[in-house]
Protein backbone atom coordinates (compact mmCIF):
# COMPACT_ATOMS: atom_id res chain seq x y z
CA MET A 1 31.46 -24.55 -60.73
CA ARG A 2 32.27 -28.26 -60.81
CA ARG A 3 35.81 -29.06 -59.82
CA LEU A 4 38.03 -31.35 -61.82
CA PRO A 5 40.26 -34.02 -60.25
CA TYR A 6 43.53 -32.16 -60.88
CA ASP A 7 42.26 -28.91 -59.39
CA ASN A 8 43.66 -30.19 -56.06
CA PHE A 9 47.25 -30.00 -57.36
CA LYS A 10 49.32 -26.85 -57.24
CA PRO A 11 50.55 -26.02 -60.78
CA HIS A 12 53.73 -24.43 -59.40
CA GLU A 13 54.70 -27.86 -58.05
CA PHE A 14 54.21 -29.65 -61.39
CA ILE A 15 57.24 -31.14 -63.08
CA VAL A 16 57.73 -31.40 -66.85
CA ARG A 17 56.16 -34.86 -66.88
CA ASP A 18 52.95 -33.40 -65.42
CA TRP A 19 52.78 -30.69 -68.08
CA LEU A 20 53.35 -33.26 -70.82
CA ALA A 21 50.53 -35.35 -69.35
CA LEU A 22 48.25 -32.32 -69.60
CA ASP A 23 49.27 -31.90 -73.25
CA ARG A 24 48.32 -35.53 -73.88
CA THR A 25 45.01 -34.86 -72.16
CA VAL A 26 44.35 -31.95 -74.53
CA LEU A 27 44.95 -34.28 -77.48
CA ALA A 28 42.61 -36.85 -75.95
CA ASN A 29 39.97 -34.12 -75.61
CA GLU A 30 40.31 -33.38 -79.34
CA ARG A 31 39.99 -37.07 -80.21
CA THR A 32 36.89 -37.32 -78.06
CA PHE A 33 35.37 -34.32 -79.81
CA LEU A 34 36.02 -35.94 -83.19
CA ALA A 35 34.37 -39.14 -81.94
CA TYR A 36 31.27 -37.14 -80.94
CA GLY A 37 31.25 -35.61 -84.42
CA ARG A 38 31.55 -39.01 -86.13
CA THR A 39 28.76 -40.42 -84.01
CA ALA A 40 26.52 -37.43 -84.69
CA LEU A 41 27.19 -37.61 -88.43
CA GLY A 42 26.44 -41.33 -88.47
CA LEU A 43 23.14 -40.84 -86.63
CA ILE A 44 22.08 -37.96 -88.87
CA LEU A 45 22.94 -39.81 -92.07
CA SER A 46 21.22 -42.98 -90.84
CA GLY A 47 18.11 -40.99 -90.01
CA LEU A 48 18.02 -39.28 -93.40
CA THR A 49 18.55 -42.61 -95.14
CA ILE A 50 15.63 -44.14 -93.26
CA VAL A 51 13.44 -41.15 -94.16
CA LYS A 52 14.32 -41.38 -97.86
CA LEU A 53 14.25 -45.18 -98.23
CA PHE A 54 11.27 -46.05 -96.04
CA ASN A 55 9.02 -43.13 -96.91
CA ILE A 56 6.08 -45.57 -97.10
CA SER A 57 5.68 -46.11 -93.37
CA HIS A 58 4.88 -43.23 -91.03
CA ASP A 59 6.64 -45.01 -88.13
CA ALA A 60 9.84 -45.41 -90.17
CA VAL A 61 9.83 -41.74 -91.14
CA MET A 62 9.31 -40.71 -87.51
CA SER A 63 12.12 -42.96 -86.31
CA GLY A 64 14.35 -41.51 -89.05
CA TRP A 65 13.70 -37.98 -87.83
CA GLY A 66 14.33 -39.25 -84.30
CA PHE A 67 17.80 -40.38 -85.40
CA VAL A 68 18.43 -36.96 -86.93
CA ALA A 69 17.38 -35.24 -83.69
CA LEU A 70 19.52 -37.60 -81.63
CA GLY A 71 22.50 -36.89 -83.91
CA LEU A 72 22.08 -33.16 -83.43
CA LEU A 73 21.82 -33.64 -79.67
CA VAL A 74 25.01 -35.73 -79.61
CA PHE A 75 26.82 -33.03 -81.59
CA VAL A 76 25.67 -30.26 -79.23
CA VAL A 77 26.73 -32.28 -76.17
CA GLY A 78 30.13 -32.95 -77.77
CA VAL A 79 30.71 -29.28 -78.56
CA ARG A 80 29.73 -28.21 -75.03
CA ARG A 81 32.05 -30.76 -73.40
CA PHE A 82 34.91 -29.86 -75.72
CA LEU A 83 34.60 -26.13 -75.06
CA LYS A 84 34.31 -26.64 -71.31
CA MET A 85 37.47 -28.72 -71.14
CA GLN A 86 39.31 -26.48 -73.61
CA GLY A 87 38.65 -23.47 -71.38
CA HIS A 88 40.10 -25.32 -68.42
CA TYR A 89 43.22 -26.27 -70.37
CA ARG A 90 43.71 -22.68 -71.53
CA ALA A 91 43.67 -21.53 -67.92
CA LEU A 92 46.25 -24.17 -67.04
CA SER A 93 48.51 -23.24 -69.96
CA ALA A 94 48.58 -19.63 -68.72
CA ILE A 95 49.69 -20.94 -65.34
CA GLU A 96 52.25 -23.18 -67.07
CA GLU A 97 54.03 -20.17 -68.55
CA GLU A 98 54.35 -18.67 -65.06
CA ALA A 99 55.29 -21.93 -63.35
CA LEU A 100 58.13 -23.01 -65.63
CA PRO A 101 61.36 -21.24 -64.89
CA ALA A 102 62.38 -19.11 -67.87
CA GLU A 103 65.73 -20.87 -68.23
CA LEU A 104 64.10 -24.33 -68.29
CA ALA A 105 61.53 -23.15 -70.85
CA ARG A 106 64.29 -21.77 -73.09
CA GLU A 107 66.33 -24.98 -72.76
CA PHE A 108 63.28 -27.13 -73.48
CA GLY A 109 62.52 -25.00 -76.54
CA ARG A 110 66.12 -25.44 -77.80
CA GLU A 111 65.89 -29.21 -77.42
CA ILE A 112 62.71 -29.30 -79.46
CA SER A 113 64.29 -27.11 -82.17
CA ALA A 114 67.44 -29.25 -82.24
CA HIS A 115 65.37 -32.38 -82.90
CA GLY A 116 63.66 -30.78 -85.88
CA HIS A 117 60.25 -30.33 -84.25
CA GLY A 118 58.58 -26.99 -84.69
CA SER A 119 56.80 -25.13 -81.96
CA ARG A 120 53.07 -25.49 -81.40
């Protein structure tokens, strides 16, 4: 299994700032997945447009289907990367619940509630 850069750190030594950084990383992972989806959709739609508009030339039709195939490949790669990273973050969030002292977690939860933000 390939190790990630923050596998060298001990989660029990993390401070709140470190856990918040991991939360931001999860959001970045979601944005990256959406970017893969947008790129895949753009490639697929471009390929289908080429196939429909330039149906006269065999080369154009083949390049159109190539764009469709490339779009599907980009989508599959994006899904695989997203799921791989999401699994790693789920493992870390289980450790987070153990690592945070119960009193600190309750206090942090009260602060979020007092500011009008709901829980995740």
